[in-house]
Amino acid sequence: MSDCLFCKIAAGEIPSDTLYEDELCYAFSDIAPQAPSHFLVIPKSHIASVSQIDRNNSALVAHIFEVIAKLTAEKGIGSYRVVSNIGEQAGQSVPHLHFHVLGGRDMTWPPG
């Protein structure tokens, strides 16, 4: 999708602090971190949100969670939260599937 912010970041058209990249996904530091460790993992292919995950793309989502496990282990983050907002009312500001990974502080419940 040519006007999608995260598609442009994944394509290297907009600079970011790259943490990981492979042919399927891209991970980068959040520009407004909400925890000492806060990064995002996105698919390179455009999927609008969790609500569009289906049998045709669910393996990609499983791969993203494998990448999350790898990155948190490498960074020594033993306790963390993974968040994906779906829709504007839930706080999704970019309509491209993304997972926030937050760690390094106590996470209160219920959130927000």
N, C-alpha and C. Protein backbone atom coordinates (compact mmCIF):
# COMPACT_ATOMS: atom_id res chain seq x y z
N MET A 1 0.86 -1.18 0.00
CA MET A 1 0.00 0.00 0.00
C MET A 1 0.90 1.23 0.00
N SER A 2 0.80 2.05 -1.02
CA SER A 2 1.77 3.12 -1.25
C SER A 2 1.71 4.26 -0.24
N ASP A 3 0.59 4.50 0.41
CA ASP A 3 0.50 5.60 1.35
C ASP A 3 0.57 5.16 2.81
N CYS A 4 0.91 3.92 3.06
CA CYS A 4 0.97 3.38 4.42
C CYS A 4 2.33 3.70 5.06
N LEU A 5 2.30 4.33 6.22
CA LEU A 5 3.51 4.69 6.94
C LEU A 5 4.39 3.48 7.21
N PHE A 6 3.82 2.39 7.72
CA PHE A 6 4.63 1.23 8.06
C PHE A 6 5.14 0.49 6.82
N CYS A 7 4.39 0.51 5.73
CA CYS A 7 4.90 -0.06 4.48
C CYS A 7 6.13 0.71 4.03
N LYS A 8 6.09 2.04 4.17
CA LYS A 8 7.23 2.87 3.78
C LYS A 8 8.43 2.63 4.70
N ILE A 9 8.19 2.46 5.99
CA ILE A 9 9.29 2.15 6.92
C ILE A 9 9.91 0.81 6.56
N ALA A 10 9.09 -0.20 6.34
CA ALA A 10 9.60 -1.54 6.01
C ALA A 10 10.37 -1.54 4.69
N ALA A 11 9.99 -0.66 3.77
CA ALA A 11 10.66 -0.58 2.46
C ALA A 11 11.92 0.28 2.52
N GLY A 12 12.19 0.90 3.68
CA GLY A 12 13.37 1.74 3.82
C GLY A 12 13.19 3.14 3.28
N GLU A 13 11.96 3.52 2.95
CA GLU A 13 11.69 4.86 2.43
C GLU A 13 11.66 5.91 3.55
N ILE A 14 11.37 5.47 4.75
CA ILE A 14 11.38 6.34 5.93
C ILE A 14 12.35 5.72 6.92
N PRO A 15 13.31 6.51 7.42
CA PRO A 15 14.31 5.94 8.34
C PRO A 15 13.69 5.49 9.67
N SER A 16 14.30 4.47 10.24
CA SER A 16 13.89 3.97 11.56
C SER A 16 15.10 3.31 12.20
N ASP A 17 14.98 3.04 13.48
CA ASP A 17 16.03 2.35 14.23
C ASP A 17 15.79 0.85 14.08
N THR A 18 16.39 0.26 13.07
CA THR A 18 16.17 -1.15 12.73
C THR A 18 16.74 -2.07 13.81
N LEU A 19 15.91 -3.00 14.28
CA LEU A 19 16.35 -4.00 15.24
C LEU A 19 16.47 -5.38 14.59
N TYR A 20 15.65 -5.62 13.57
CA TYR A 20 15.62 -6.93 12.92
C TYR A 20 14.92 -6.77 11.57
N GLU A 21 15.39 -7.56 10.61
CA GLU A 21 14.71 -7.58 9.32
C GLU A 21 14.97 -8.92 8.64
N ASP A 22 13.93 -9.46 8.05
CA ASP A 22 14.07 -10.62 7.17
C ASP A 22 13.09 -10.42 6.02
N GLU A 23 12.89 -11.43 5.22
CA GLU A 23 12.03 -11.27 4.05
C GLU A 23 10.55 -11.09 4.40
N LEU A 24 10.15 -11.45 5.63
CA LEU A 24 8.75 -11.40 6.01
C LEU A 24 8.37 -10.26 6.94
N CYS A 25 9.30 -9.85 7.80
CA CYS A 25 8.94 -8.86 8.80
C CYS A 25 10.08 -7.90 9.11
N TYR A 26 9.74 -6.87 9.86
CA TYR A 26 10.67 -5.80 10.18
C TYR A 26 10.39 -5.36 11.61
N ALA A 27 11.45 -5.17 12.39
CA ALA A 27 11.31 -4.70 13.77
C ALA A 27 12.12 -3.43 13.95
N PHE A 28 11.55 -2.48 14.67
CA PHE A 28 12.21 -1.21 14.88
C PHE A 28 11.76 -0.58 16.20
N SER A 29 12.58 0.31 16.72
CA SER A 29 12.28 0.98 17.98
C SER A 29 11.11 1.93 17.81
N ASP A 30 10.26 2.01 18.83
CA ASP A 30 9.14 2.94 18.82
C ASP A 30 9.68 4.36 18.98
N ILE A 31 9.13 5.32 18.23
CA ILE A 31 9.63 6.70 18.31
C ILE A 31 9.13 7.43 19.55
N ALA A 32 8.12 6.90 20.21
CA ALA A 32 7.59 7.49 21.45
C ALA A 32 7.46 6.37 22.48
N PRO A 33 8.58 5.85 22.98
CA PRO A 33 8.52 4.67 23.85
C PRO A 33 7.71 4.89 25.12
N GLN A 34 6.96 3.85 25.47
CA GLN A 34 6.12 3.86 26.67
C GLN A 34 6.70 2.97 27.77
N ALA A 35 7.89 2.45 27.53
CA ALA A 35 8.59 1.60 28.49
C ALA A 35 10.07 1.67 28.15
N PRO A 36 10.95 1.29 29.08
CA PRO A 36 12.38 1.31 28.78
C PRO A 36 12.74 0.53 27.52
N SER A 37 12.07 -0.58 27.28
CA SER A 37 12.20 -1.32 26.03
C SER A 37 10.85 -1.26 25.33
N HIS A 38 10.82 -0.69 24.14
CA HIS A 38 9.56 -0.58 23.38
C HIS A 38 9.91 -0.60 21.91
N PHE A 39 9.54 -1.69 21.26
CA PHE A 39 9.76 -1.78 19.83
C PHE A 39 8.53 -2.37 19.16
N LEU A 40 8.50 -2.24 17.84
CA LEU A 40 7.38 -2.77 17.06
C LEU A 40 7.89 -3.82 16.09
N VAL A 41 7.05 -4.79 15.81
CA VAL A 41 7.33 -5.78 14.78
C VAL A 41 6.14 -5.76 13.83
N ILE A 42 6.46 -5.60 12.54
CA ILE A 42 5.42 -5.49 11.52
C ILE A 42 5.68 -6.48 10.39
N PRO A 43 4.63 -6.93 9.73
CA PRO A 43 4.84 -7.72 8.52
C PRO A 43 5.22 -6.77 7.39
N LYS A 44 6.03 -7.24 6.46
CA LYS A 44 6.37 -6.42 5.30
C LYS A 44 5.18 -6.32 4.34
N SER A 45 4.37 -7.35 4.29
CA SER A 45 3.16 -7.29 3.47
C SER A 45 2.10 -6.52 4.24
N HIS A 46 1.26 -5.81 3.51
CA HIS A 46 0.26 -4.98 4.18
C HIS A 46 -0.93 -5.82 4.64
N ILE A 47 -1.15 -5.82 5.93
CA ILE A 47 -2.33 -6.40 6.57
C ILE A 47 -2.81 -5.29 7.49
N ALA A 48 -4.05 -4.91 7.41
CA ALA A 48 -4.53 -3.73 8.14
C ALA A 48 -4.52 -3.90 9.66
N SER A 49 -4.88 -5.07 10.16
CA SER A 49 -4.93 -5.27 11.62
C SER A 49 -5.13 -6.76 11.91
N VAL A 50 -5.18 -7.08 13.19
CA VAL A 50 -5.43 -8.45 13.63
C VAL A 50 -6.74 -8.98 13.03
N SER A 51 -7.69 -8.08 12.81
CA SER A 51 -8.99 -8.52 12.28
C SER A 51 -8.88 -9.09 10.87
N GLN A 52 -7.75 -8.89 10.20
CA GLN A 52 -7.57 -9.44 8.85
C GLN A 52 -6.65 -10.67 8.82
N ILE A 53 -6.33 -11.22 9.96
CA ILE A 53 -5.55 -12.45 10.00
C ILE A 53 -6.47 -13.62 9.63
N ASP A 54 -5.99 -14.43 8.72
CA ASP A 54 -6.77 -15.59 8.30
C ASP A 54 -5.81 -16.75 7.98
N ARG A 55 -6.34 -17.84 7.47
CA ARG A 55 -5.49 -19.02 7.22
C ARG A 55 -4.44 -18.75 6.15
N ASN A 56 -4.63 -17.72 5.34
CA ASN A 56 -3.66 -17.40 4.30
C ASN A 56 -2.45 -16.62 4.82
N ASN A 57 -2.59 -15.96 5.96
CA ASN A 57 -1.47 -15.17 6.49
C ASN A 57 -1.11 -15.47 7.94
N SER A 58 -1.76 -16.45 8.54
CA SER A 58 -1.50 -16.74 9.95
C SER A 58 -0.09 -17.28 10.20
N ALA A 59 0.51 -17.94 9.23
CA ALA A 59 1.90 -18.40 9.40
C ALA A 59 2.85 -17.21 9.54
N LEU A 60 2.55 -16.13 8.86
CA LEU A 60 3.34 -14.91 8.99
C LEU A 60 3.27 -14.36 10.42
N VAL A 61 2.09 -14.40 10.99
CA VAL A 61 1.92 -13.92 12.37
C VAL A 61 2.69 -14.81 13.34
N ALA A 62 2.66 -16.11 13.12
CA ALA A 62 3.44 -17.03 13.95
C ALA A 62 4.93 -16.70 13.83
N HIS A 63 5.38 -16.40 12.64
CA HIS A 63 6.78 -16.02 12.43
C HIS A 63 7.11 -14.74 13.21
N ILE A 64 6.21 -13.78 13.19
CA ILE A 64 6.43 -12.53 13.94
C ILE A 64 6.61 -12.83 15.42
N PHE A 65 5.81 -13.73 15.97
CA PHE A 65 5.95 -14.07 17.39
C PHE A 65 7.26 -14.82 17.65
N GLU A 66 7.75 -15.58 16.70
CA GLU A 66 9.07 -16.20 16.84
C GLU A 66 10.15 -15.11 16.87
N VAL A 67 10.01 -14.09 16.05
CA VAL A 67 10.95 -12.96 16.04
C VAL A 67 10.88 -12.20 17.36
N ILE A 68 9.69 -11.99 17.88
CA ILE A 68 9.55 -11.33 19.18
C ILE A 68 10.30 -12.11 20.26
N ALA A 69 10.13 -13.42 20.28
CA ALA A 69 10.83 -14.26 21.27
C ALA A 69 12.35 -14.15 21.10
N LYS A 70 12.82 -14.14 19.88
CA LYS A 70 14.25 -14.02 19.60
C LYS A 70 14.79 -12.68 20.07
N LEU A 71 14.10 -11.59 19.71
CA LEU A 71 14.58 -10.26 20.07
C LEU A 71 14.57 -10.02 21.57
N THR A 72 13.51 -10.44 22.24
CA THR A 72 13.45 -10.23 23.69
C THR A 72 14.53 -11.05 24.39
N ALA A 73 14.81 -12.25 23.91
CA ALA A 73 15.89 -13.06 24.50
C ALA A 73 17.24 -12.38 24.28
N GLU A 74 17.48 -11.89 23.06
CA GLU A 74 18.74 -11.22 22.76
C GLU A 74 18.93 -9.95 23.60
N LYS A 75 17.83 -9.25 23.88
CA LYS A 75 17.90 -8.01 24.64
C LYS A 75 17.84 -8.26 26.16
N GLY A 76 17.66 -9.52 26.55
CA GLY A 76 17.59 -9.84 27.98
C GLY A 76 16.30 -9.37 28.63
N ILE A 77 15.25 -9.27 27.85
CA ILE A 77 13.94 -8.85 28.38
C ILE A 77 13.18 -10.11 28.75
N GLY A 78 13.14 -10.43 30.03
CA GLY A 78 12.51 -11.67 30.47
C GLY A 78 11.02 -11.57 30.68
N SER A 79 10.54 -10.35 30.90
CA SER A 79 9.13 -10.13 31.15
C SER A 79 8.70 -8.96 30.27
N TYR A 80 7.65 -9.17 29.50
CA TYR A 80 7.25 -8.13 28.56
C TYR A 80 5.78 -8.30 28.19
N ARG A 81 5.26 -7.27 27.54
CA ARG A 81 3.88 -7.30 27.07
C ARG A 81 3.89 -7.10 25.56
N VAL A 82 3.02 -7.84 24.86
CA VAL A 82 2.83 -7.69 23.42
C VAL A 82 1.42 -7.15 23.21
N VAL A 83 1.32 -6.03 22.48
CA VAL A 83 0.04 -5.37 22.29
C VAL A 83 -0.20 -5.11 20.81
N SER A 84 -1.42 -5.35 20.37
CA SER A 84 -1.84 -4.95 19.04
C SER A 84 -3.21 -4.30 19.16
N ASN A 85 -3.29 -3.04 18.78
CA ASN A 85 -4.55 -2.31 18.82
C ASN A 85 -5.27 -2.51 17.50
N ILE A 86 -6.59 -2.69 17.58
CA ILE A 86 -7.39 -2.93 16.38
C ILE A 86 -8.47 -1.87 16.31
N GLY A 87 -8.33 -0.94 15.38
CA GLY A 87 -9.30 0.13 15.20
C GLY A 87 -8.95 1.39 15.98
N GLU A 88 -9.48 2.50 15.51
CA GLU A 88 -9.18 3.80 16.12
C GLU A 88 -9.57 3.88 17.59
N GLN A 89 -10.74 3.38 17.95
CA GLN A 89 -11.20 3.47 19.33
C GLN A 89 -10.27 2.71 20.28
N ALA A 90 -9.58 1.70 19.78
CA ALA A 90 -8.65 0.93 20.59
C ALA A 90 -7.25 1.54 20.57
N GLY A 91 -7.05 2.61 19.78
CA GLY A 91 -5.77 3.28 19.75
C GLY A 91 -4.89 2.95 18.56
N GLN A 92 -5.43 2.26 17.56
CA GLN A 92 -4.62 1.96 16.38
C GLN A 92 -4.50 3.22 15.53
N SER A 93 -3.29 3.78 15.48
CA SER A 93 -3.09 5.03 14.73
C SER A 93 -2.55 4.79 13.33
N VAL A 94 -1.97 3.61 13.08
CA VAL A 94 -1.49 3.26 11.74
C VAL A 94 -2.21 1.98 11.32
N PRO A 95 -2.98 2.04 10.24
CA PRO A 95 -3.75 0.86 9.82
C PRO A 95 -2.89 -0.17 9.08
N HIS A 96 -1.90 -0.68 9.80
CA HIS A 96 -1.02 -1.75 9.32
C HIS A 96 -0.75 -2.61 10.54
N LEU A 97 -0.94 -3.91 10.42
CA LEU A 97 -0.73 -4.82 11.55
C LEU A 97 0.63 -4.57 12.18
N HIS A 98 0.63 -4.36 13.48
CA HIS A 98 1.89 -4.19 14.20
C HIS A 98 1.71 -4.64 15.64
N PHE A 99 2.81 -5.14 16.18
CA PHE A 99 2.82 -5.60 17.55
C PHE A 99 3.81 -4.76 18.33
N HIS A 100 3.31 -4.08 19.37
CA HIS A 100 4.18 -3.35 20.28
C HIS A 100 4.74 -4.36 21.28
N VAL A 101 6.02 -4.30 21.54
CA VAL A 101 6.65 -5.14 22.56
C VAL A 101 7.22 -4.18 23.59
N LEU A 102 6.69 -4.27 24.81
CA LEU A 102 7.08 -3.36 25.89
C LEU A 102 7.63 -4.15 27.07
N GLY A 103 8.74 -3.68 27.62
CA GLY A 103 9.33 -4.35 28.76
C GLY A 103 10.23 -3.40 29.53
N GLY A 104 10.76 -3.91 30.62
CA GLY A 104 11.69 -3.13 31.41
C GLY A 104 11.05 -2.33 32.52
N ARG A 105 9.76 -2.52 32.74
CA ARG A 105 9.08 -1.87 33.87
C ARG A 105 7.87 -2.72 34.23
N ASP A 106 7.30 -2.46 35.40
CA ASP A 106 6.08 -3.16 35.79
C ASP A 106 4.94 -2.74 34.86
N MET A 107 4.18 -3.69 34.43
CA MET A 107 3.02 -3.43 33.58
C MET A 107 1.77 -3.55 34.45
N THR A 108 1.04 -2.47 34.59
CA THR A 108 -0.15 -2.50 35.42
C THR A 108 -1.31 -3.14 34.66
N TRP A 109 -2.32 -3.55 35.41
CA TRP A 109 -3.51 -4.13 34.83
C TRP A 109 -4.72 -3.64 35.59
N PRO A 110 -5.79 -3.24 34.99
CA PRO A 110 -5.98 -3.27 33.55
C PRO A 110 -5.22 -2.13 32.87
N PRO A 111 -4.82 -2.35 31.62
CA PRO A 111 -4.12 -1.30 30.88
C PRO A 111 -5.08 -0.20 30.45
N GLY A 112 -4.51 0.97 30.21
CA GLY A 112 -5.25 2.14 29.67
C GLY A 112 -6.65 2.19 30.01
